[in-house]
Each structure stands twice: as structure tokens, then as C-alpha cells.
Amino acid sequence: MFQELESLAALKHGKEVEKLGHEYRDKLSSTIANYASRGLANSGPMVKAKLDLKLELIEHNFKSLVDIWAGLIINRDSRLSREAIQFILEKIENASLNAKKQVKKYLL
């Protein structure tokens, strides 16, 4: 039903992921430098701050997926049908499974 939009959505999402990745790396570098300058490198608060940044990145990624897919579908169909909403939810569910693995790996 939405296969013809896959390549355009992947391109848009790829650009957004690249942008989010740059922002994340900048924030992470700043956070690490901040904690290290206070003698708190690898401390519990620093690990928490890094995890918070990772979770923020994941949240922005989910939001971008919704925005991209909703925009493409509305542009094509002029509305979001129940099927379209279900499709977008499945995209988020798949992304959440990947995010769960990322967070788990990050914590171990």
C-alpha cells in the first residue's frame, strides 16, 4: 500500500538521522568534557547524562519517522487512514525494537 513511498521515506529519514547524529555527537562531547572537567569522568551522573542523551536521540528519531511518513502519506492521499496510522505504528514498533537493542548494548 505504501511501498512506493519507501525509498523517499528512507532518503528523508537518512538525512534526518545524519543531522540527529551530528547533534548527538556534539552534545555528547560537551557532556563528557563538562563531567571530566569536574573530575566526574565515568561517574554515575555522567553515565546517566550520556544515557539521557541517547534516549533523547531515540525519541527524536521516532518523531522524525512519524513526521516523515505522515507527511508523505498526507501529501499523497490528503489524509491519514486507519491503515496508514497502523502502518506508521508498525514502523515505530520496528524502530523501537532496534532502539531497545541499542540501549541494552549501551548499558552493557
N, C-alpha and C. Protein backbone atom coordinates (compact mmCIF):
# COMPACT_ATOMS: atom_id res chain seq x y z
N MET A 1 0.81 -1.20 0.00
CA MET A 1 0.00 0.00 0.00
C MET A 1 0.86 1.27 0.00
N PHE A 2 1.99 1.22 0.73
CA PHE A 2 2.85 2.41 0.82
C PHE A 2 4.27 2.13 0.30
N GLN A 3 4.43 1.04 -0.44
CA GLN A 3 5.75 0.64 -0.92
C GLN A 3 6.39 1.71 -1.80
N GLU A 4 5.58 2.41 -2.59
CA GLU A 4 6.14 3.42 -3.48
C GLU A 4 6.73 4.61 -2.73
N LEU A 5 6.40 4.73 -1.46
CA LEU A 5 6.94 5.83 -0.64
C LEU A 5 8.19 5.42 0.13
N GLU A 6 8.51 4.14 0.15
CA GLU A 6 9.63 3.63 0.95
C GLU A 6 10.95 4.30 0.63
N SER A 7 11.29 4.41 -0.65
CA SER A 7 12.60 4.97 -0.99
C SER A 7 12.69 6.44 -0.63
N LEU A 8 11.64 7.20 -0.84
CA LEU A 8 11.65 8.61 -0.47
C LEU A 8 11.70 8.77 1.05
N ALA A 9 10.95 7.95 1.75
CA ALA A 9 10.98 7.99 3.22
C ALA A 9 12.36 7.62 3.75
N ALA A 10 12.98 6.62 3.15
CA ALA A 10 14.33 6.22 3.58
C ALA A 10 15.33 7.33 3.35
N LEU A 11 15.22 8.02 2.23
CA LEU A 11 16.12 9.13 1.93
C LEU A 11 15.93 10.26 2.94
N LYS A 12 14.69 10.65 3.17
CA LYS A 12 14.40 11.72 4.14
C LYS A 12 14.86 11.32 5.54
N HIS A 13 14.57 10.09 5.92
CA HIS A 13 14.95 9.63 7.27
C HIS A 13 16.46 9.55 7.40
N GLY A 14 17.13 9.13 6.36
CA GLY A 14 18.60 9.07 6.38
C GLY A 14 19.21 10.44 6.63
N LYS A 15 18.67 11.45 5.96
CA LYS A 15 19.15 12.82 6.18
C LYS A 15 18.89 13.27 7.61
N GLU A 16 17.73 12.93 8.12
CA GLU A 16 17.38 13.33 9.50
C GLU A 16 18.27 12.60 10.51
N VAL A 17 18.52 11.32 10.27
CA VAL A 17 19.40 10.55 11.17
C VAL A 17 20.80 11.14 11.17
N GLU A 18 21.28 11.55 10.00
CA GLU A 18 22.60 12.17 9.91
C GLU A 18 22.64 13.46 10.74
N LYS A 19 21.62 14.28 10.59
CA LYS A 19 21.54 15.53 11.35
C LYS A 19 21.47 15.25 12.85
N LEU A 20 20.62 14.32 13.24
CA LEU A 20 20.49 13.96 14.66
C LEU A 20 21.79 13.40 15.21
N GLY A 21 22.49 12.61 14.39
CA GLY A 21 23.77 12.04 14.80
C GLY A 21 24.81 13.10 15.08
N HIS A 22 24.85 14.12 14.23
CA HIS A 22 25.80 15.23 14.45
C HIS A 22 25.46 15.97 15.75
N GLU A 23 24.18 16.24 15.94
CA GLU A 23 23.76 16.94 17.16
C GLU A 23 24.09 16.10 18.40
N TYR A 24 23.83 14.81 18.31
CA TYR A 24 24.11 13.91 19.43
C TYR A 24 25.60 13.89 19.77
N ARG A 25 26.43 13.76 18.75
CA ARG A 25 27.88 13.73 18.99
C ARG A 25 28.38 15.03 19.60
N ASP A 26 27.84 16.16 19.14
CA ASP A 26 28.23 17.45 19.72
C ASP A 26 27.82 17.54 21.19
N LYS A 27 26.58 17.15 21.49
CA LYS A 27 26.10 17.19 22.88
C LYS A 27 26.88 16.21 23.75
N LEU A 28 27.17 15.04 23.20
CA LEU A 28 27.91 14.03 23.96
C LEU A 28 29.32 14.52 24.28
N SER A 29 29.98 15.09 23.31
CA SER A 29 31.34 15.62 23.54
C SER A 29 31.32 16.70 24.61
N SER A 30 30.35 17.57 24.54
CA SER A 30 30.21 18.65 25.52
C SER A 30 29.93 18.09 26.91
N THR A 31 29.07 17.10 26.98
CA THR A 31 28.72 16.48 28.26
C THR A 31 29.93 15.79 28.87
N ILE A 32 30.64 15.03 28.08
CA ILE A 32 31.84 14.33 28.58
C ILE A 32 32.87 15.33 29.07
N ALA A 33 33.09 16.38 28.29
CA ALA A 33 34.06 17.41 28.69
C ALA A 33 33.63 18.08 30.00
N ASN A 34 32.36 18.36 30.12
CA ASN A 34 31.83 19.00 31.32
C ASN A 34 32.06 18.14 32.56
N TYR A 35 31.68 16.88 32.48
CA TYR A 35 31.87 15.99 33.63
C TYR A 35 33.35 15.73 33.91
N ALA A 36 34.13 15.57 32.87
CA ALA A 36 35.57 15.32 33.06
C ALA A 36 36.24 16.52 33.71
N SER A 37 35.83 17.72 33.33
CA SER A 37 36.43 18.93 33.91
C SER A 37 36.13 19.07 35.40
N ARG A 38 35.08 18.40 35.84
CA ARG A 38 34.72 18.44 37.27
C ARG A 38 35.21 17.20 38.01
N GLY A 39 36.03 16.40 37.33
CA GLY A 39 36.57 15.20 37.96
C GLY A 39 35.56 14.08 38.08
N LEU A 40 34.54 14.11 37.23
CA LEU A 40 33.47 13.11 37.31
C LEU A 40 33.42 12.19 36.08
N ALA A 41 34.57 12.03 35.42
CA ALA A 41 34.61 11.14 34.25
C ALA A 41 34.22 9.73 34.67
N ASN A 42 33.35 9.11 33.89
CA ASN A 42 32.86 7.74 34.13
C ASN A 42 32.14 7.58 35.47
N SER A 43 31.64 8.67 36.01
CA SER A 43 30.86 8.61 37.25
C SER A 43 29.41 8.22 36.94
N GLY A 44 28.68 7.89 37.96
CA GLY A 44 27.25 7.57 37.80
C GLY A 44 26.48 8.71 37.15
N PRO A 45 26.66 9.97 37.61
CA PRO A 45 25.95 11.07 36.97
C PRO A 45 26.31 11.24 35.49
N MET A 46 27.57 10.98 35.15
CA MET A 46 27.97 11.10 33.75
C MET A 46 27.32 10.00 32.92
N VAL A 47 27.30 8.79 33.42
CA VAL A 47 26.67 7.69 32.70
C VAL A 47 25.19 7.99 32.50
N LYS A 48 24.53 8.53 33.53
CA LYS A 48 23.12 8.90 33.42
C LYS A 48 22.92 9.99 32.38
N ALA A 49 23.79 10.99 32.37
CA ALA A 49 23.68 12.07 31.39
C ALA A 49 23.85 11.54 29.98
N LYS A 50 24.79 10.62 29.79
CA LYS A 50 25.00 10.02 28.47
C LYS A 50 23.80 9.20 28.05
N LEU A 51 23.22 8.45 28.98
CA LEU A 51 22.03 7.66 28.67
C LEU A 51 20.86 8.58 28.33
N ASP A 52 20.71 9.67 29.08
CA ASP A 52 19.64 10.63 28.78
C ASP A 52 19.78 11.18 27.36
N LEU A 53 21.01 11.47 26.95
CA LEU A 53 21.24 11.95 25.59
C LEU A 53 20.87 10.89 24.56
N LYS A 54 21.20 9.64 24.83
CA LYS A 54 20.88 8.54 23.92
C LYS A 54 19.36 8.39 23.80
N LEU A 55 18.67 8.47 24.93
CA LEU A 55 17.21 8.35 24.91
C LEU A 55 16.56 9.53 24.18
N GLU A 56 17.14 10.70 24.33
CA GLU A 56 16.65 11.88 23.60
C GLU A 56 16.82 11.67 22.09
N LEU A 57 17.96 11.12 21.69
CA LEU A 57 18.21 10.82 20.29
C LEU A 57 17.16 9.84 19.76
N ILE A 58 16.90 8.81 20.51
CA ILE A 58 15.92 7.80 20.10
C ILE A 58 14.53 8.43 19.97
N GLU A 59 14.16 9.27 20.92
CA GLU A 59 12.85 9.94 20.88
C GLU A 59 12.74 10.81 19.62
N HIS A 60 13.78 11.57 19.32
CA HIS A 60 13.77 12.41 18.11
C HIS A 60 13.70 11.56 16.85
N ASN A 61 14.35 10.41 16.87
CA ASN A 61 14.29 9.51 15.73
C ASN A 61 12.86 9.01 15.51
N PHE A 62 12.18 8.62 16.58
CA PHE A 62 10.79 8.17 16.45
C PHE A 62 9.91 9.30 15.90
N LYS A 63 10.10 10.49 16.44
CA LYS A 63 9.30 11.63 15.99
C LYS A 63 9.55 11.90 14.51
N SER A 64 10.80 11.81 14.09
CA SER A 64 11.08 12.05 12.67
C SER A 64 10.42 11.00 11.78
N LEU A 65 10.42 9.75 12.23
CA LEU A 65 9.73 8.71 11.45
C LEU A 65 8.25 9.02 11.28
N VAL A 66 7.61 9.40 12.36
CA VAL A 66 6.18 9.75 12.30
C VAL A 66 5.97 10.94 11.37
N ASP A 67 6.76 11.98 11.56
CA ASP A 67 6.60 13.19 10.75
C ASP A 67 6.81 12.90 9.26
N ILE A 68 7.84 12.13 8.95
CA ILE A 68 8.15 11.83 7.55
C ILE A 68 7.04 11.01 6.92
N TRP A 69 6.67 9.91 7.57
CA TRP A 69 5.64 9.04 6.99
C TRP A 69 4.28 9.73 6.93
N ALA A 70 3.90 10.42 7.98
CA ALA A 70 2.61 11.11 7.96
C ALA A 70 2.60 12.16 6.86
N GLY A 71 3.68 12.90 6.72
CA GLY A 71 3.75 13.92 5.68
C GLY A 71 3.65 13.34 4.28
N LEU A 72 4.38 12.27 4.03
CA LEU A 72 4.33 11.64 2.71
C LEU A 72 2.95 11.07 2.39
N ILE A 73 2.35 10.43 3.36
CA ILE A 73 1.03 9.83 3.14
C ILE A 73 -0.04 10.90 2.96
N ILE A 74 0.01 11.93 3.78
CA ILE A 74 -0.97 13.02 3.63
C ILE A 74 -0.78 13.73 2.30
N ASN A 75 0.46 13.91 1.90
CA ASN A 75 0.74 14.55 0.61
C ASN A 75 0.16 13.73 -0.54
N ARG A 76 0.23 12.40 -0.39
CA ARG A 76 -0.28 11.53 -1.46
C ARG A 76 -1.80 11.36 -1.39
N ASP A 77 -2.32 11.11 -0.16
CA ASP A 77 -3.73 10.74 -0.01
C ASP A 77 -4.62 11.85 0.56
N SER A 78 -4.05 12.94 0.98
CA SER A 78 -4.76 14.08 1.58
C SER A 78 -5.32 13.79 2.97
N ARG A 79 -5.02 12.62 3.51
CA ARG A 79 -5.47 12.28 4.87
C ARG A 79 -4.72 11.05 5.35
N LEU A 80 -4.86 10.78 6.65
CA LEU A 80 -4.30 9.55 7.23
C LEU A 80 -5.46 8.59 7.51
N SER A 81 -5.46 7.48 6.83
CA SER A 81 -6.47 6.45 7.05
C SER A 81 -6.06 5.59 8.25
N ARG A 82 -6.96 4.74 8.68
CA ARG A 82 -6.62 3.79 9.75
C ARG A 82 -5.45 2.91 9.33
N GLU A 83 -5.46 2.49 8.07
CA GLU A 83 -4.37 1.65 7.57
C GLU A 83 -3.04 2.40 7.59
N ALA A 84 -3.08 3.67 7.26
CA ALA A 84 -1.86 4.48 7.27
C ALA A 84 -1.33 4.63 8.69
N ILE A 85 -2.22 4.87 9.62
CA ILE A 85 -1.81 5.01 11.02
C ILE A 85 -1.22 3.70 11.52
N GLN A 86 -1.85 2.58 11.19
CA GLN A 86 -1.33 1.27 11.58
C GLN A 86 0.05 1.04 10.97
N PHE A 87 0.22 1.42 9.72
CA PHE A 87 1.50 1.28 9.04
C PHE A 87 2.58 2.08 9.75
N ILE A 88 2.28 3.32 10.11
CA ILE A 88 3.25 4.17 10.81
C ILE A 88 3.57 3.58 12.18
N LEU A 89 2.56 3.08 12.87
CA LEU A 89 2.80 2.45 14.17
C LEU A 89 3.72 1.24 14.04
N GLU A 90 3.58 0.48 12.97
CA GLU A 90 4.46 -0.66 12.74
C GLU A 90 5.90 -0.21 12.49
N LYS A 91 6.06 0.91 11.79
CA LYS A 91 7.40 1.47 11.57
C LYS A 91 8.03 1.86 12.91
N ILE A 92 7.24 2.47 13.78
CA ILE A 92 7.74 2.87 15.10
C ILE A 92 8.06 1.65 15.94
N GLU A 93 7.22 0.63 15.87
CA GLU A 93 7.47 -0.59 16.62
C GLU A 93 8.78 -1.24 16.19
N ASN A 94 9.02 -1.30 14.90
CA ASN A 94 10.28 -1.86 14.41
C ASN A 94 11.47 -1.01 14.88
N ALA A 95 11.32 0.28 14.82
CA ALA A 95 12.40 1.18 15.28
C ALA A 95 12.62 1.02 16.78
N SER A 96 11.54 0.78 17.53
CA SER A 96 11.68 0.63 18.98
C SER A 96 12.42 -0.66 19.34
N LEU A 97 12.24 -1.70 18.55
CA LEU A 97 12.98 -2.94 18.80
C LEU A 97 14.47 -2.71 18.59
N ASN A 98 14.80 -1.97 17.55
CA ASN A 98 16.20 -1.64 17.29
C ASN A 98 16.75 -0.74 18.40
N ALA A 99 15.95 0.22 18.83
CA ALA A 99 16.39 1.13 19.90
C ALA A 99 16.62 0.37 21.21
N LYS A 100 15.77 -0.60 21.47
CA LYS A 100 15.93 -1.41 22.68
C LYS A 100 17.28 -2.13 22.67
N LYS A 101 17.64 -2.67 21.51
CA LYS A 101 18.94 -3.34 21.38
C LYS A 101 20.08 -2.35 21.58
N GLN A 102 19.94 -1.14 21.02
CA GLN A 102 20.98 -0.12 21.16
C GLN A 102 21.18 0.27 22.63
N VAL A 103 20.10 0.48 23.34
CA VAL A 103 20.20 0.89 24.75
C VAL A 103 20.78 -0.24 25.58
N LYS A 104 20.36 -1.46 25.30
CA LYS A 104 20.87 -2.60 26.03
C LYS A 104 22.39 -2.74 25.81
N LYS A 105 22.82 -2.60 24.56
CA LYS A 105 24.25 -2.67 24.25
C LYS A 105 25.00 -1.51 24.91
N TYR A 106 24.37 -0.35 24.93
CA TYR A 106 24.99 0.83 25.52
C TYR A 106 25.22 0.65 27.02
N LEU A 107 24.27 -0.03 27.67
CA LEU A 107 24.36 -0.21 29.13
C LEU A 107 25.30 -1.34 29.52
N LEU A 108 25.56 -2.27 28.62
CA LEU A 108 26.42 -3.41 28.97
C LEU A 108 27.85 -3.15 28.69
